[in-house]
Amino acid sequence: AIADKDQRSQIKADVEFHEYIYRKSGNERLFHIYTGFKDQLYRYRVLYLADEFHSETVSKEHNKILEAIRSRNLKLAREYSELHILNQKNNLNQPQNNGRGR
């Protein structure tokens, strides 16, 4: 989707990735909190993933998280997840530089 510059597919993949993690966590409360914010998150994804830099960064972060989960390295999966969340938080707080100041 990134190579094809297909933003809709990128957003769909991003949503599916996060929903998969939330569902597999077995934490119903977490999943319900996520679904409450889903529409707001979607609007953010549209703006954020329109930038190729962000799309590639998010994809790399997701791949690292997924690799750690597949290898059952929960410590590393947690570290990558926390870094992903921190990067998103930083990008939300600094929209003037499009997050490139990391």
N, C-alpha and C. Protein backbone atom coordinates (compact mmCIF):
# COMPACT_ATOMS: atom_id res chain seq x y z
N ALA A 1 0.82 -1.19 0.00
CA ALA A 1 0.00 0.00 0.00
C ALA A 1 0.87 1.26 0.00
N ILE A 2 1.99 1.21 0.72
CA ILE A 2 2.88 2.37 0.76
C ILE A 2 3.52 2.57 -0.61
N ALA A 3 4.04 1.47 -1.18
CA ALA A 3 4.69 1.55 -2.49
C ALA A 3 3.73 2.06 -3.56
N ASP A 4 2.46 1.66 -3.44
CA ASP A 4 1.44 2.08 -4.40
C ASP A 4 0.84 3.44 -4.07
N LYS A 5 1.27 4.01 -2.94
CA LYS A 5 0.73 5.29 -2.46
C LYS A 5 -0.80 5.23 -2.33
N ASP A 6 -1.26 4.09 -1.84
CA ASP A 6 -2.69 3.83 -1.66
C ASP A 6 -3.05 4.12 -0.20
N GLN A 7 -3.45 5.37 0.05
CA GLN A 7 -3.70 5.79 1.42
C GLN A 7 -4.84 5.01 2.07
N ARG A 8 -5.88 4.72 1.32
CA ARG A 8 -7.01 3.97 1.91
C ARG A 8 -6.56 2.60 2.40
N SER A 9 -5.74 1.93 1.61
CA SER A 9 -5.24 0.61 2.01
C SER A 9 -4.29 0.72 3.20
N GLN A 10 -3.51 1.80 3.23
CA GLN A 10 -2.62 2.02 4.37
C GLN A 10 -3.43 2.20 5.66
N ILE A 11 -4.46 3.00 5.57
CA ILE A 11 -5.30 3.25 6.74
C ILE A 11 -5.99 1.96 7.17
N LYS A 12 -6.51 1.22 6.20
CA LYS A 12 -7.17 -0.05 6.50
C LYS A 12 -6.21 -1.01 7.20
N ALA A 13 -4.98 -1.11 6.70
CA ALA A 13 -3.99 -1.98 7.31
C ALA A 13 -3.63 -1.52 8.71
N ASP A 14 -3.54 -0.20 8.90
CA ASP A 14 -3.23 0.34 10.22
C ASP A 14 -4.34 0.01 11.22
N VAL A 15 -5.57 0.21 10.80
CA VAL A 15 -6.71 -0.12 11.66
C VAL A 15 -6.71 -1.61 12.00
N GLU A 16 -6.53 -2.46 11.00
CA GLU A 16 -6.53 -3.91 11.21
C GLU A 16 -5.41 -4.34 12.15
N PHE A 17 -4.22 -3.74 11.99
CA PHE A 17 -3.10 -4.07 12.87
C PHE A 17 -3.45 -3.78 14.32
N HIS A 18 -3.93 -2.57 14.57
CA HIS A 18 -4.24 -2.18 15.94
C HIS A 18 -5.41 -2.99 16.51
N GLU A 19 -6.44 -3.21 15.73
CA GLU A 19 -7.57 -4.00 16.22
C GLU A 19 -7.15 -5.43 16.54
N TYR A 20 -6.27 -5.98 15.73
CA TYR A 20 -5.77 -7.33 15.98
C TYR A 20 -5.05 -7.38 17.34
N ILE A 21 -4.19 -6.42 17.59
CA ILE A 21 -3.46 -6.36 18.86
C ILE A 21 -4.44 -6.23 20.03
N TYR A 22 -5.39 -5.31 19.90
CA TYR A 22 -6.35 -5.11 20.99
C TYR A 22 -7.18 -6.36 21.25
N ARG A 23 -7.63 -7.00 20.21
CA ARG A 23 -8.44 -8.21 20.37
C ARG A 23 -7.64 -9.35 20.99
N LYS A 24 -6.43 -9.54 20.49
CA LYS A 24 -5.59 -10.64 20.98
C LYS A 24 -5.10 -10.43 22.40
N SER A 25 -5.15 -9.19 22.86
CA SER A 25 -4.71 -8.92 24.23
C SER A 25 -5.63 -9.60 25.24
N GLY A 26 -6.86 -9.87 24.82
CA GLY A 26 -7.82 -10.47 25.74
C GLY A 26 -8.37 -9.48 26.75
N ASN A 27 -8.04 -8.23 26.58
CA ASN A 27 -8.47 -7.19 27.50
C ASN A 27 -9.69 -6.49 26.90
N GLU A 28 -10.86 -6.92 27.31
CA GLU A 28 -12.10 -6.36 26.76
C GLU A 28 -12.23 -4.86 27.03
N ARG A 29 -11.81 -4.46 28.20
CA ARG A 29 -11.91 -3.04 28.53
C ARG A 29 -11.06 -2.20 27.58
N LEU A 30 -9.83 -2.65 27.31
CA LEU A 30 -8.97 -1.95 26.36
C LEU A 30 -9.63 -1.86 25.00
N PHE A 31 -10.22 -2.95 24.54
CA PHE A 31 -10.85 -2.95 23.24
C PHE A 31 -12.04 -1.98 23.20
N HIS A 32 -12.81 -1.92 24.27
CA HIS A 32 -13.95 -0.99 24.33
C HIS A 32 -13.48 0.47 24.36
N ILE A 33 -12.39 0.72 25.06
CA ILE A 33 -11.84 2.08 25.08
C ILE A 33 -11.41 2.46 23.67
N TYR A 34 -10.73 1.54 23.01
CA TYR A 34 -10.29 1.79 21.63
C TYR A 34 -11.48 2.07 20.72
N THR A 35 -12.52 1.27 20.80
CA THR A 35 -13.65 1.47 19.91
C THR A 35 -14.33 2.81 20.17
N GLY A 36 -14.25 3.31 21.40
CA GLY A 36 -14.81 4.62 21.71
C GLY A 36 -14.05 5.75 21.03
N PHE A 37 -12.77 5.53 20.77
CA PHE A 37 -11.94 6.55 20.13
C PHE A 37 -11.71 6.29 18.65
N LYS A 38 -12.28 5.21 18.15
CA LYS A 38 -11.99 4.76 16.79
C LYS A 38 -12.23 5.83 15.73
N ASP A 39 -13.33 6.53 15.80
CA ASP A 39 -13.63 7.56 14.80
C ASP A 39 -12.63 8.71 14.85
N GLN A 40 -12.28 9.14 16.06
CA GLN A 40 -11.29 10.21 16.20
C GLN A 40 -9.93 9.75 15.68
N LEU A 41 -9.57 8.52 15.98
CA LEU A 41 -8.30 7.99 15.51
C LEU A 41 -8.28 7.88 13.99
N TYR A 42 -9.40 7.57 13.41
CA TYR A 42 -9.46 7.45 11.95
C TYR A 42 -9.14 8.79 11.29
N ARG A 43 -9.69 9.85 11.81
CA ARG A 43 -9.42 11.18 11.25
C ARG A 43 -7.93 11.52 11.35
N TYR A 44 -7.34 11.17 12.47
CA TYR A 44 -5.91 11.39 12.65
C TYR A 44 -5.11 10.56 11.64
N ARG A 45 -5.49 9.31 11.45
CA ARG A 45 -4.78 8.44 10.50
C ARG A 45 -4.81 9.02 9.09
N VAL A 46 -5.95 9.56 8.68
CA VAL A 46 -6.07 10.12 7.34
C VAL A 46 -5.04 11.24 7.15
N LEU A 47 -4.94 12.13 8.12
CA LEU A 47 -4.00 13.24 8.02
C LEU A 47 -2.55 12.77 8.16
N TYR A 48 -2.32 11.91 9.11
CA TYR A 48 -0.97 11.47 9.43
C TYR A 48 -0.36 10.59 8.34
N LEU A 49 -1.13 9.63 7.85
CA LEU A 49 -0.59 8.69 6.87
C LEU A 49 -0.56 9.26 5.46
N ALA A 50 -1.06 10.46 5.27
CA ALA A 50 -0.95 11.11 3.96
C ALA A 50 0.50 11.47 3.66
N ASP A 51 1.30 11.60 4.70
CA ASP A 51 2.72 11.92 4.57
C ASP A 51 3.51 10.61 4.42
N GLU A 52 4.25 10.47 3.32
CA GLU A 52 5.01 9.24 3.06
C GLU A 52 5.99 8.93 4.19
N PHE A 53 6.60 9.95 4.76
CA PHE A 53 7.54 9.75 5.87
C PHE A 53 6.85 9.02 7.01
N HIS A 54 5.66 9.49 7.37
CA HIS A 54 4.93 8.88 8.48
C HIS A 54 4.49 7.46 8.12
N SER A 55 4.02 7.27 6.91
CA SER A 55 3.57 5.94 6.49
C SER A 55 4.69 4.92 6.62
N GLU A 56 5.86 5.28 6.15
CA GLU A 56 7.00 4.36 6.21
C GLU A 56 7.45 4.13 7.65
N THR A 57 7.45 5.18 8.46
CA THR A 57 7.84 5.05 9.86
C THR A 57 6.88 4.14 10.61
N VAL A 58 5.59 4.37 10.42
CA VAL A 58 4.58 3.54 11.09
C VAL A 58 4.71 2.08 10.66
N SER A 59 4.91 1.86 9.38
CA SER A 59 5.06 0.50 8.88
C SER A 59 6.26 -0.20 9.52
N LYS A 60 7.38 0.49 9.60
CA LYS A 60 8.58 -0.08 10.23
C LYS A 60 8.34 -0.39 11.70
N GLU A 61 7.66 0.52 12.39
CA GLU A 61 7.36 0.29 13.81
C GLU A 61 6.44 -0.90 13.98
N HIS A 62 5.42 -0.99 13.15
CA HIS A 62 4.50 -2.13 13.22
C HIS A 62 5.22 -3.44 12.94
N ASN A 63 6.10 -3.44 11.96
CA ASN A 63 6.84 -4.67 11.63
C ASN A 63 7.71 -5.12 12.80
N LYS A 64 8.36 -4.18 13.47
CA LYS A 64 9.17 -4.53 14.63
C LYS A 64 8.31 -5.13 15.74
N ILE A 65 7.17 -4.53 15.98
CA ILE A 65 6.25 -5.05 17.01
C ILE A 65 5.81 -6.46 16.64
N LEU A 66 5.40 -6.63 15.40
CA LEU A 66 4.92 -7.93 14.94
C LEU A 66 6.01 -8.99 15.01
N GLU A 67 7.23 -8.66 14.61
CA GLU A 67 8.35 -9.61 14.69
C GLU A 67 8.59 -10.04 16.13
N ALA A 68 8.54 -9.09 17.05
CA ALA A 68 8.76 -9.41 18.46
C ALA A 68 7.65 -10.31 18.99
N ILE A 69 6.42 -10.04 18.59
CA ILE A 69 5.29 -10.88 19.02
C ILE A 69 5.45 -12.29 18.46
N ARG A 70 5.77 -12.39 17.17
CA ARG A 70 5.93 -13.70 16.54
C ARG A 70 7.04 -14.52 17.20
N SER A 71 8.10 -13.84 17.62
CA SER A 71 9.20 -14.55 18.27
C SER A 71 8.95 -14.75 19.77
N ARG A 72 7.79 -14.31 20.20
CA ARG A 72 7.35 -14.42 21.60
C ARG A 72 8.28 -13.68 22.57
N ASN A 73 8.90 -12.63 22.07
CA ASN A 73 9.75 -11.79 22.90
C ASN A 73 8.88 -10.64 23.42
N LEU A 74 8.19 -10.92 24.51
CA LEU A 74 7.22 -9.95 25.03
C LEU A 74 7.88 -8.67 25.52
N LYS A 75 9.09 -8.80 26.08
CA LYS A 75 9.80 -7.61 26.54
C LYS A 75 10.08 -6.67 25.36
N LEU A 76 10.57 -7.22 24.27
CA LEU A 76 10.87 -6.41 23.09
C LEU A 76 9.58 -5.87 22.46
N ALA A 77 8.54 -6.69 22.42
CA ALA A 77 7.25 -6.24 21.87
C ALA A 77 6.72 -5.05 22.68
N ARG A 78 6.88 -5.13 23.96
CA ARG A 78 6.43 -4.03 24.82
C ARG A 78 7.26 -2.77 24.56
N GLU A 79 8.58 -2.94 24.47
CA GLU A 79 9.45 -1.80 24.21
C GLU A 79 9.12 -1.13 22.87
N TYR A 80 8.93 -1.95 21.83
CA TYR A 80 8.58 -1.39 20.51
C TYR A 80 7.21 -0.73 20.54
N SER A 81 6.28 -1.32 21.27
CA SER A 81 4.93 -0.74 21.37
C SER A 81 4.98 0.60 22.09
N GLU A 82 5.75 0.66 23.17
CA GLU A 82 5.87 1.91 23.91
C GLU A 82 6.54 2.99 23.06
N LEU A 83 7.56 2.60 22.29
CA LEU A 83 8.21 3.56 21.40
C LEU A 83 7.24 4.07 20.33
N HIS A 84 6.43 3.16 19.79
CA HIS A 84 5.42 3.53 18.78
C HIS A 84 4.43 4.54 19.36
N ILE A 85 3.96 4.27 20.55
CA ILE A 85 3.02 5.18 21.22
C ILE A 85 3.67 6.53 21.49
N LEU A 86 4.91 6.51 21.97
CA LEU A 86 5.63 7.76 22.25
C LEU A 86 5.83 8.56 20.97
N ASN A 87 6.20 7.89 19.88
CA ASN A 87 6.37 8.59 18.61
C ASN A 87 5.07 9.24 18.14
N GLN A 88 3.96 8.52 18.29
CA GLN A 88 2.67 9.08 17.89
C GLN A 88 2.30 10.27 18.77
N LYS A 89 2.55 10.14 20.06
CA LYS A 89 2.27 11.24 20.99
C LYS A 89 3.10 12.47 20.61
N ASN A 90 4.38 12.25 20.34
CA ASN A 90 5.26 13.37 19.96
C ASN A 90 4.79 14.03 18.67
N ASN A 91 4.35 13.23 17.72
CA ASN A 91 3.87 13.77 16.46
C ASN A 91 2.58 14.55 16.62
N LEU A 92 1.73 14.12 17.51
CA LEU A 92 0.50 14.86 17.77
C LEU A 92 0.79 16.20 18.42
N ASN A 93 1.82 16.23 19.25
CA ASN A 93 2.16 17.46 19.97
C ASN A 93 3.01 18.42 19.15
N GLN A 94 3.53 17.97 17.99
CA GLN A 94 4.40 18.82 17.19
C GLN A 94 4.00 18.77 15.72
N PRO A 95 2.79 19.15 15.39
CA PRO A 95 2.36 19.05 14.00
C PRO A 95 3.07 20.02 13.05
N GLN A 96 3.69 21.07 13.61
CA GLN A 96 4.33 22.05 12.75
C GLN A 96 5.54 21.48 12.00
N ASN A 97 6.19 20.43 12.53
CA ASN A 97 7.34 19.88 11.82
C ASN A 97 7.03 18.49 11.25
N ASN A 98 5.75 18.11 11.26
CA ASN A 98 5.32 16.83 10.72
C ASN A 98 6.03 15.65 11.36
N GLY A 99 6.49 15.81 12.59
CA GLY A 99 7.09 14.69 13.31
C GLY A 99 8.50 14.36 12.88
N ARG A 100 9.10 15.14 12.01
CA ARG A 100 10.42 14.79 11.48
C ARG A 100 11.54 15.16 12.42
N GLY A 101 11.21 15.75 13.54
CA GLY A 101 12.24 16.15 14.48
C GLY A 101 12.67 15.04 15.42
N ARG A 102 12.19 13.84 15.20
CA ARG A 102 12.51 12.75 16.12
C ARG A 102 13.96 12.37 16.06
